[in-house]
Structures are given as C-alpha cells and as structure tokens.
mmCIF file of all heavy atoms, coordinates in Angstrom:
data_MODEL
# 
_entry.id   MODEL 
# 
loop_
_atom_site.group_PDB 
_atom_site.id 
_atom_site.type_symbol 
_atom_site.label_atom_id 
_atom_site.label_alt_id 
_atom_site.label_comp_id 
_atom_site.label_asym_id 
_atom_site.label_entity_id 
_atom_site.label_seq_id 
_atom_site.pdbx_PDB_ins_code 
_atom_site.Cartn_x 
_atom_site.Cartn_y 
_atom_site.Cartn_z 
_atom_site.occupancy 
_atom_site.B_iso_or_equiv 
_atom_site.pdbx_formal_charge 
_atom_site.auth_seq_id 
_atom_site.auth_comp_id 
_atom_site.auth_asym_id 
_atom_site.auth_atom_id 
_atom_site.pdbx_PDB_model_num 
ATOM 1   N N   . ARG A 1 1  ? -4.082  -3.193 -1.475 1.00 0.00 ? 1  ARG A N   1 
ATOM 2   C CA  . ARG A 1 1  ? -5.280  -2.483 -1.010 1.00 0.00 ? 1  ARG A CA  1 
ATOM 3   C C   . ARG A 1 1  ? -5.019  -1.845 0.359  1.00 0.00 ? 1  ARG A C   1 
ATOM 4   O O   . ARG A 1 1  ? -5.753  -2.076 1.315  1.00 0.00 ? 1  ARG A O   1 
ATOM 5   C CB  . ARG A 1 1  ? -6.460  -3.434 -0.934 1.00 0.00 ? 1  ARG A CB  1 
ATOM 6   C CG  . ARG A 1 1  ? -6.812  -4.018 -2.278 1.00 0.00 ? 1  ARG A CG  1 
ATOM 7   C CD  . ARG A 1 1  ? -8.078  -4.845 -2.175 1.00 0.00 ? 1  ARG A CD  1 
ATOM 8   N NE  . ARG A 1 1  ? -8.381  -5.504 -3.413 1.00 0.00 ? 1  ARG A NE  1 
ATOM 9   C CZ  . ARG A 1 1  ? -9.116  -4.959 -4.374 1.00 0.00 ? 1  ARG A CZ  1 
ATOM 10  N NH1 . ARG A 1 1  ? -9.572  -3.752 -4.230 1.00 0.00 ? 1  ARG A NH1 1 
ATOM 11  N NH2 . ARG A 1 1  ? -9.375  -5.636 -5.469 1.00 0.00 ? 1  ARG A NH2 1 
ATOM 12  N N   . ALA A 1 2  ? -4.001  -1.035 0.409  1.00 0.00 ? 2  ALA A N   1 
ATOM 13  C CA  . ALA A 1 2  ? -3.595  -0.418 1.675  1.00 0.00 ? 2  ALA A CA  1 
ATOM 14  C C   . ALA A 1 2  ? -4.701  0.465  2.249  1.00 0.00 ? 2  ALA A C   1 
ATOM 15  O O   . ALA A 1 2  ? -4.943  0.460  3.456  1.00 0.00 ? 2  ALA A O   1 
ATOM 16  C CB  . ALA A 1 2  ? -2.318  0.395  1.478  1.00 0.00 ? 2  ALA A CB  1 
ATOM 17  N N   . ARG A 1 3  ? -5.366  1.222  1.408  1.00 0.00 ? 3  ARG A N   1 
ATOM 18  C CA  . ARG A 1 3  ? -6.413  2.129  1.892  1.00 0.00 ? 3  ARG A CA  1 
ATOM 19  C C   . ARG A 1 3  ? -7.530  1.365  2.586  1.00 0.00 ? 3  ARG A C   1 
ATOM 20  O O   . ARG A 1 3  ? -7.947  1.712  3.691  1.00 0.00 ? 3  ARG A O   1 
ATOM 21  C CB  . ARG A 1 3  ? -6.979  2.940  0.731  1.00 0.00 ? 3  ARG A CB  1 
ATOM 22  C CG  . ARG A 1 3  ? -8.076  3.896  1.156  1.00 0.00 ? 3  ARG A CG  1 
ATOM 23  C CD  . ARG A 1 3  ? -8.634  4.648  -0.003 1.00 0.00 ? 3  ARG A CD  1 
ATOM 24  N NE  . ARG A 1 3  ? -7.535  5.341  -0.659 1.00 0.00 ? 3  ARG A NE  1 
ATOM 25  C CZ  . ARG A 1 3  ? -7.689  6.201  -1.635 1.00 0.00 ? 3  ARG A CZ  1 
ATOM 26  N NH1 . ARG A 1 3  ? -8.884  6.489  -2.082 1.00 0.00 ? 3  ARG A NH1 1 
ATOM 27  N NH2 . ARG A 1 3  ? -6.651  6.771  -2.192 1.00 0.00 ? 3  ARG A NH2 1 
ATOM 28  N N   . THR A 1 4  ? -8.000  0.309  1.949  1.00 0.00 ? 4  THR A N   1 
ATOM 29  C CA  . THR A 1 4  ? -9.087  -0.487 2.528  1.00 0.00 ? 4  THR A CA  1 
ATOM 30  C C   . THR A 1 4  ? -8.629  -1.180 3.805  1.00 0.00 ? 4  THR A C   1 
ATOM 31  O O   . THR A 1 4  ? -9.340  -1.149 4.817  1.00 0.00 ? 4  THR A O   1 
ATOM 32  C CB  . THR A 1 4  ? -9.570  -1.531 1.507  1.00 0.00 ? 4  THR A CB  1 
ATOM 33  O OG1 . THR A 1 4  ? -9.980  -0.841 0.322  1.00 0.00 ? 4  THR A OG1 1 
ATOM 34  C CG2 . THR A 1 4  ? -10.712 -2.354 2.042  1.00 0.00 ? 4  THR A CG2 1 
ATOM 35  N N   . ALA A 1 5  ? -7.458  -1.785 3.754  1.00 0.00 ? 5  ALA A N   1 
ATOM 36  C CA  . ALA A 1 5  ? -6.941  -2.493 4.939  1.00 0.00 ? 5  ALA A CA  1 
ATOM 37  C C   . ALA A 1 5  ? -6.702  -1.527 6.086  1.00 0.00 ? 5  ALA A C   1 
ATOM 38  O O   . ALA A 1 5  ? -7.048  -1.820 7.236  1.00 0.00 ? 5  ALA A O   1 
ATOM 39  C CB  . ALA A 1 5  ? -5.649  -3.231 4.582  1.00 0.00 ? 5  ALA A CB  1 
ATOM 40  N N   . TRP A 1 6  ? -6.128  -0.367 5.791  1.00 0.00 ? 6  TRP A N   1 
ATOM 41  C CA  . TRP A 1 6  ? -5.835  0.592  6.847  1.00 0.00 ? 6  TRP A CA  1 
ATOM 42  C C   . TRP A 1 6  ? -7.117  1.159  7.451  1.00 0.00 ? 6  TRP A C   1 
ATOM 43  O O   . TRP A 1 6  ? -7.217  1.324  8.672  1.00 0.00 ? 6  TRP A O   1 
ATOM 44  C CB  . TRP A 1 6  ? -4.960  1.737  6.327  1.00 0.00 ? 6  TRP A CB  1 
ATOM 45  C CG  . TRP A 1 6  ? -4.549  2.634  7.442  1.00 0.00 ? 6  TRP A CG  1 
ATOM 46  C CD1 . TRP A 1 6  ? -3.505  2.464  8.293  1.00 0.00 ? 6  TRP A CD1 1 
ATOM 47  C CD2 . TRP A 1 6  ? -5.206  3.824  7.851  1.00 0.00 ? 6  TRP A CD2 1 
ATOM 48  N NE1 . TRP A 1 6  ? -3.476  3.486  9.209  1.00 0.00 ? 6  TRP A NE1 1 
ATOM 49  C CE2 . TRP A 1 6  ? -4.510  4.335  8.954  1.00 0.00 ? 6  TRP A CE2 1 
ATOM 50  C CE3 . TRP A 1 6  ? -6.319  4.511  7.384  1.00 0.00 ? 6  TRP A CE3 1 
ATOM 51  C CZ2 . TRP A 1 6  ? -4.879  5.500  9.609  1.00 0.00 ? 6  TRP A CZ2 1 
ATOM 52  C CZ3 . TRP A 1 6  ? -6.700  5.671  8.036  1.00 0.00 ? 6  TRP A CZ3 1 
ATOM 53  C CH2 . TRP A 1 6  ? -5.984  6.158  9.129  1.00 0.00 ? 6  TRP A CH2 1 
ATOM 54  N N   . THR A 1 7  ? -8.104  1.422  6.629  1.00 0.00 ? 7  THR A N   1 
ATOM 55  C CA  . THR A 1 7  ? -9.377  1.942  7.142  1.00 0.00 ? 7  THR A CA  1 
ATOM 56  C C   . THR A 1 7  ? -10.039 0.925  8.063  1.00 0.00 ? 7  THR A C   1 
ATOM 57  O O   . THR A 1 7  ? -10.539 1.280  9.137  1.00 0.00 ? 7  THR A O   1 
ATOM 58  C CB  . THR A 1 7  ? -10.319 2.314  5.984  1.00 0.00 ? 7  THR A CB  1 
ATOM 59  O OG1 . THR A 1 7  ? -9.648  3.270  5.159  1.00 0.00 ? 7  THR A OG1 1 
ATOM 60  C CG2 . THR A 1 7  ? -11.615 2.902  6.487  1.00 0.00 ? 7  THR A CG2 1 
ATOM 61  N N   . ALA A 1 8  ? -10.021 -0.333 7.669  1.00 0.00 ? 8  ALA A N   1 
ATOM 62  C CA  . ALA A 1 8  ? -10.589 -1.386 8.516  1.00 0.00 ? 8  ALA A CA  1 
ATOM 63  C C   . ALA A 1 8  ? -9.802  -1.498 9.821  1.00 0.00 ? 8  ALA A C   1 
ATOM 64  O O   . ALA A 1 8  ? -10.389 -1.614 10.905 1.00 0.00 ? 8  ALA A O   1 
ATOM 65  C CB  . ALA A 1 8  ? -10.593 -2.718 7.773  1.00 0.00 ? 8  ALA A CB  1 
ATOM 66  N N   . LEU A 1 9  ? -8.490  -1.453 9.716  1.00 0.00 ? 9  LEU A N   1 
ATOM 67  C CA  . LEU A 1 9  ? -7.641  -1.530 10.908 1.00 0.00 ? 9  LEU A CA  1 
ATOM 68  C C   . LEU A 1 9  ? -7.875  -0.334 11.826 1.00 0.00 ? 9  LEU A C   1 
ATOM 69  O O   . LEU A 1 9  ? -8.011  -0.491 13.046 1.00 0.00 ? 9  LEU A O   1 
ATOM 70  C CB  . LEU A 1 9  ? -6.170  -1.607 10.498 1.00 0.00 ? 9  LEU A CB  1 
ATOM 71  C CG  . LEU A 1 9  ? -5.149  -1.682 11.624 1.00 0.00 ? 9  LEU A CG  1 
ATOM 72  C CD1 . LEU A 1 9  ? -5.347  -2.962 12.446 1.00 0.00 ? 9  LEU A CD1 1 
ATOM 73  C CD2 . LEU A 1 9  ? -3.740  -1.631 11.052 1.00 0.00 ? 9  LEU A CD2 1 
ATOM 74  N N   . ALA A 1 10 ? -7.940  0.860  11.270 1.00 0.00 ? 10 ALA A N   1 
ATOM 75  C CA  . ALA A 1 10 ? -8.161  2.064  12.080 1.00 0.00 ? 10 ALA A CA  1 
ATOM 76  C C   . ALA A 1 10 ? -9.523  2.020  12.773 1.00 0.00 ? 10 ALA A C   1 
ATOM 77  O O   . ALA A 1 10 ? -9.642  2.400  13.945 1.00 0.00 ? 10 ALA A O   1 
ATOM 78  C CB  . ALA A 1 10 ? -8.057  3.308  11.201 1.00 0.00 ? 10 ALA A CB  1 
ATOM 79  N N   . THR A 1 11 ? -10.529 1.540  12.073 1.00 0.00 ? 11 THR A N   1 
ATOM 80  C CA  . THR A 1 11 ? -11.860 1.418  12.673 1.00 0.00 ? 11 THR A CA  1 
ATOM 81  C C   . THR A 1 11 ? -11.851 0.399  13.811 1.00 0.00 ? 11 THR A C   1 
ATOM 82  O O   . THR A 1 11 ? -12.427 0.641  14.878 1.00 0.00 ? 11 THR A O   1 
ATOM 83  C CB  . THR A 1 11 ? -12.889 1.024  11.601 1.00 0.00 ? 11 THR A CB  1 
ATOM 84  O OG1 . THR A 1 11 ? -12.857 2.011  10.564 1.00 0.00 ? 11 THR A OG1 1 
ATOM 85  C CG2 . THR A 1 11 ? -14.287 0.920  12.174 1.00 0.00 ? 11 THR A CG2 1 
ATOM 86  N N   . ALA A 1 12 ? -11.180 -0.722 13.593 1.00 0.00 ? 12 ALA A N   1 
ATOM 87  C CA  . ALA A 1 12 ? -11.080 -1.742 14.647 1.00 0.00 ? 12 ALA A CA  1 
ATOM 88  C C   . ALA A 1 12 ? -10.324 -1.210 15.861 1.00 0.00 ? 12 ALA A C   1 
ATOM 89  O O   . ALA A 1 12 ? -10.731 -1.440 17.005 1.00 0.00 ? 12 ALA A O   1 
ATOM 90  C CB  . ALA A 1 12 ? -10.394 -2.994 14.097 1.00 0.00 ? 12 ALA A CB  1 
ATOM 91  N N   . VAL A 1 13 ? -9.245  -0.478 15.623 1.00 0.00 ? 13 VAL A N   1 
ATOM 92  C CA  . VAL A 1 13 ? -8.474  0.088  16.739 1.00 0.00 ? 13 VAL A CA  1 
ATOM 93  C C   . VAL A 1 13 ? -9.330  1.082  17.509 1.00 0.00 ? 13 VAL A C   1 
ATOM 94  O O   . VAL A 1 13 ? -9.316  1.095  18.744 1.00 0.00 ? 13 VAL A O   1 
ATOM 95  C CB  . VAL A 1 13 ? -7.168  0.740  16.231 1.00 0.00 ? 13 VAL A CB  1 
ATOM 96  C CG1 . VAL A 1 13 ? -6.516  1.593  17.303 1.00 0.00 ? 13 VAL A CG1 1 
ATOM 97  C CG2 . VAL A 1 13 ? -6.203  -0.334 15.752 1.00 0.00 ? 13 VAL A CG2 1 
ATOM 98  N N   . LEU A 1 14 ? -10.088 1.914  16.808 1.00 0.00 ? 14 LEU A N   1 
ATOM 99  C CA  . LEU A 1 14 ? -10.978 2.855  17.499 1.00 0.00 ? 14 LEU A CA  1 
ATOM 100 C C   . LEU A 1 14 ? -11.973 2.111  18.375 1.00 0.00 ? 14 LEU A C   1 
ATOM 101 O O   . LEU A 1 14 ? -12.133 2.430  19.560 1.00 0.00 ? 14 LEU A O   1 
ATOM 102 C CB  . LEU A 1 14 ? -11.721 3.735  16.497 1.00 0.00 ? 14 LEU A CB  1 
ATOM 103 C CG  . LEU A 1 14 ? -12.858 4.590  17.104 1.00 0.00 ? 14 LEU A CG  1 
ATOM 104 C CD1 . LEU A 1 14 ? -12.304 5.584  18.120 1.00 0.00 ? 14 LEU A CD1 1 
ATOM 105 C CD2 . LEU A 1 14 ? -13.639 5.285  16.016 1.00 0.00 ? 14 LEU A CD2 1 
ATOM 106 N N   . LEU A 1 15 ? -12.631 1.116  17.824 1.00 0.00 ? 15 LEU A N   1 
ATOM 107 C CA  . LEU A 1 15 ? -13.636 0.375  18.589 1.00 0.00 ? 15 LEU A CA  1 
ATOM 108 C C   . LEU A 1 15 ? -13.011 -0.347 19.784 1.00 0.00 ? 15 LEU A C   1 
ATOM 109 O O   . LEU A 1 15 ? -13.564 -0.337 20.885 1.00 0.00 ? 15 LEU A O   1 
ATOM 110 C CB  . LEU A 1 15 ? -14.385 -0.595 17.691 1.00 0.00 ? 15 LEU A CB  1 
ATOM 111 C CG  . LEU A 1 15 ? -15.245 0.073  16.605 1.00 0.00 ? 15 LEU A CG  1 
ATOM 112 C CD1 . LEU A 1 15 ? -15.840 -0.972 15.677 1.00 0.00 ? 15 LEU A CD1 1 
ATOM 113 C CD2 . LEU A 1 15 ? -16.320 0.942  17.220 1.00 0.00 ? 15 LEU A CD2 1 
ATOM 114 N N   . LEU A 1 16 ? -11.842 -0.953 19.563 1.00 0.00 ? 16 LEU A N   1 
ATOM 115 C CA  . LEU A 1 16 ? -11.168 -1.641 20.672 1.00 0.00 ? 16 LEU A CA  1 
ATOM 116 C C   . LEU A 1 16 ? -10.659 -0.664 21.727 1.00 0.00 ? 16 LEU A C   1 
ATOM 117 O O   . LEU A 1 16 ? -10.607 -0.999 22.908 1.00 0.00 ? 16 LEU A O   1 
ATOM 118 C CB  . LEU A 1 16 ? -10.019 -2.496 20.139 1.00 0.00 ? 16 LEU A CB  1 
ATOM 119 C CG  . LEU A 1 16 ? -10.446 -3.728 19.341 1.00 0.00 ? 16 LEU A CG  1 
ATOM 120 C CD1 . LEU A 1 16 ? -9.225  -4.394 18.693 1.00 0.00 ? 16 LEU A CD1 1 
ATOM 121 C CD2 . LEU A 1 16 ? -11.186 -4.716 20.236 1.00 0.00 ? 16 LEU A CD2 1 
ATOM 122 N N   . SER A 1 17 ? -10.304 0.535  21.319 1.00 0.00 ? 17 SER A N   1 
ATOM 123 C CA  . SER A 1 17 ? -9.801  1.519  22.287 1.00 0.00 ? 17 SER A CA  1 
ATOM 124 C C   . SER A 1 17 ? -10.896 2.010  23.225 1.00 0.00 ? 17 SER A C   1 
ATOM 125 O O   . SER A 1 17 ? -10.603 2.539  24.301 1.00 0.00 ? 17 SER A O   1 
ATOM 126 C CB  . SER A 1 17 ? -9.178  2.717  21.556 1.00 0.00 ? 17 SER A CB  1 
ATOM 127 O OG  . SER A 1 17 ? -10.169 3.582  21.036 1.00 0.00 ? 17 SER A OG  1 
ATOM 128 N N   . LEU A 1 18 ? -12.123 1.820  22.834 1.00 0.00 ? 18 LEU A N   1 
ATOM 129 C CA  . LEU A 1 18 ? -13.236 2.244  23.685 1.00 0.00 ? 18 LEU A CA  1 
ATOM 130 C C   . LEU A 1 18 ? -13.531 1.243  24.806 1.00 0.00 ? 18 LEU A C   1 
ATOM 131 O O   . LEU A 1 18 ? -14.108 1.616  25.827 1.00 0.00 ? 18 LEU A O   1 
ATOM 132 C CB  . LEU A 1 18 ? -14.488 2.468  22.842 1.00 0.00 ? 18 LEU A CB  1 
ATOM 133 C CG  . LEU A 1 18 ? -14.386 3.569  21.788 1.00 0.00 ? 18 LEU A CG  1 
ATOM 134 C CD1 . LEU A 1 18 ? -15.659 3.608  20.957 1.00 0.00 ? 18 LEU A CD1 1 
ATOM 135 C CD2 . LEU A 1 18 ? -14.086 4.908  22.413 1.00 0.00 ? 18 LEU A CD2 1 
ATOM 136 N N   . LEU A 1 19 ? -13.148 -0.011 24.632 1.00 0.00 ? 19 LEU A N   1 
ATOM 137 C CA  . LEU A 1 19 ? -13.446 -1.032 25.634 1.00 0.00 ? 19 LEU A CA  1 
ATOM 138 C C   . LEU A 1 19 ? -12.878 -0.704 27.020 1.00 0.00 ? 19 LEU A C   1 
ATOM 139 O O   . LEU A 1 19 ? -13.610 -0.808 28.012 1.00 0.00 ? 19 LEU A O   1 
ATOM 140 C CB  . LEU A 1 19 ? -12.978 -2.406 25.158 1.00 0.00 ? 19 LEU A CB  1 
ATOM 141 C CG  . LEU A 1 19 ? -13.712 -2.964 23.941 1.00 0.00 ? 19 LEU A CG  1 
ATOM 142 C CD1 . LEU A 1 19 ? -13.112 -4.304 23.525 1.00 0.00 ? 19 LEU A CD1 1 
ATOM 143 C CD2 . LEU A 1 19 ? -15.198 -3.083 24.203 1.00 0.00 ? 19 LEU A CD2 1 
ATOM 144 N N   . PRO A 1 20 ? -11.614 -0.312 27.137 1.00 0.00 ? 20 PRO A N   1 
ATOM 145 C CA  . PRO A 1 20 ? -11.093 -0.007 28.476 1.00 0.00 ? 20 PRO A CA  1 
ATOM 146 C C   . PRO A 1 20 ? -11.791 1.177  29.146 1.00 0.00 ? 20 PRO A C   1 
ATOM 147 O O   . PRO A 1 20 ? -11.838 1.247  30.378 1.00 0.00 ? 20 PRO A O   1 
ATOM 148 C CB  . PRO A 1 20 ? -9.614  0.323  28.234 1.00 0.00 ? 20 PRO A CB  1 
ATOM 149 C CG  . PRO A 1 20 ? -9.285  -0.274 26.934 1.00 0.00 ? 20 PRO A CG  1 
ATOM 150 C CD  . PRO A 1 20 ? -10.546 -0.283 26.139 1.00 0.00 ? 20 PRO A CD  1 
ATOM 151 N N   . VAL A 1 21 ? -12.340 2.065  28.358 1.00 0.00 ? 21 VAL A N   1 
ATOM 152 C CA  . VAL A 1 21 ? -13.055 3.211  28.933 1.00 0.00 ? 21 VAL A CA  1 
ATOM 153 C C   . VAL A 1 21 ? -14.195 2.710  29.811 1.00 0.00 ? 21 VAL A C   1 
ATOM 154 O O   . VAL A 1 21 ? -14.436 3.235  30.904 1.00 0.00 ? 21 VAL A O   1 
ATOM 155 C CB  . VAL A 1 21 ? -13.588 4.136  27.816 1.00 0.00 ? 21 VAL A CB  1 
ATOM 156 C CG1 . VAL A 1 21 ? -14.523 5.200  28.378 1.00 0.00 ? 21 VAL A CG1 1 
ATOM 157 C CG2 . VAL A 1 21 ? -12.432 4.771  27.062 1.00 0.00 ? 21 VAL A CG2 1 
ATOM 158 N N   . PHE A 1 22 ? -14.872 1.679  29.346 1.00 0.00 ? 22 PHE A N   1 
ATOM 159 C CA  . PHE A 1 22 ? -16.018 1.168  30.095 1.00 0.00 ? 22 PHE A CA  1 
ATOM 160 C C   . PHE A 1 22 ? -15.618 0.191  31.196 1.00 0.00 ? 22 PHE A C   1 
ATOM 161 O O   . PHE A 1 22 ? -16.434 -0.157 32.038 1.00 0.00 ? 22 PHE A O   1 
ATOM 162 C CB  . PHE A 1 22 ? -17.023 0.546  29.126 1.00 0.00 ? 22 PHE A CB  1 
ATOM 163 C CG  . PHE A 1 22 ? -17.564 1.566  28.167 1.00 0.00 ? 22 PHE A CG  1 
ATOM 164 C CD1 . PHE A 1 22 ? -17.144 1.589  26.851 1.00 0.00 ? 22 PHE A CD1 1 
ATOM 165 C CD2 . PHE A 1 22 ? -18.454 2.528  28.597 1.00 0.00 ? 22 PHE A CD2 1 
ATOM 166 C CE1 . PHE A 1 22 ? -17.619 2.543  25.972 1.00 0.00 ? 22 PHE A CE1 1 
ATOM 167 C CE2 . PHE A 1 22 ? -18.933 3.490  27.736 1.00 0.00 ? 22 PHE A CE2 1 
ATOM 168 C CZ  . PHE A 1 22 ? -18.518 3.502  26.415 1.00 0.00 ? 22 PHE A CZ  1 
ATOM 169 N N   . ALA A 1 23 ? -14.370 -0.234 31.224 1.00 0.00 ? 23 ALA A N   1 
ATOM 170 C CA  . ALA A 1 23 ? -13.882 -1.124 32.277 1.00 0.00 ? 23 ALA A CA  1 
ATOM 171 C C   . ALA A 1 23 ? -13.415 -0.346 33.505 1.00 0.00 ? 23 ALA A C   1 
ATOM 172 O O   . ALA A 1 23 ? -13.226 -0.928 34.564 1.00 0.00 ? 23 ALA A O   1 
ATOM 173 C CB  . ALA A 1 23 ? -12.741 -1.986 31.747 1.00 0.00 ? 23 ALA A CB  1 
ATOM 174 N N   . GLU A 1 24 ? -13.221 0.953  33.346 1.00 0.00 ? 24 GLU A N   1 
ATOM 175 C CA  . GLU A 1 24 ? -12.744 1.796  34.443 1.00 0.00 ? 24 GLU A CA  1 
ATOM 176 C C   . GLU A 1 24 ? -13.914 2.332  35.254 1.00 0.00 ? 24 GLU A C   1 
ATOM 177 O O   . GLU A 1 24 ? -15.018 2.491  34.749 1.00 0.00 ? 24 GLU A O   1 
ATOM 178 C CB  . GLU A 1 24 ? -11.949 2.991  33.884 1.00 0.00 ? 24 GLU A CB  1 
ATOM 179 C CG  . GLU A 1 24 ? -10.730 2.612  33.095 1.00 0.00 ? 24 GLU A CG  1 
ATOM 180 C CD  . GLU A 1 24 ? -9.588  2.154  33.970 1.00 0.00 ? 24 GLU A CD  1 
ATOM 181 O OE1 . GLU A 1 24 ? -9.530  2.532  35.156 1.00 0.00 ? 24 GLU A OE1 1 
ATOM 182 O OE2 . GLU A 1 24 ? -8.743  1.406  33.461 1.00 0.00 ? 24 GLU A OE2 1 
# 
C-alpha cells in the first residue's frame, strides 16, 4: 500500500515542517 503510506507520510512531513516556522 505504497500510495496510502506515502500520502500519510507526506501529510505528516508537511505538518511537521510547519512547526519550526512558528518557533522562529
């Protein structure tokens, strides 16, 4: 289930990438 796993991973990476924006 690469498509499902990758979509979940990509969404998590996007959300986590936003955290440092608010720490600056």
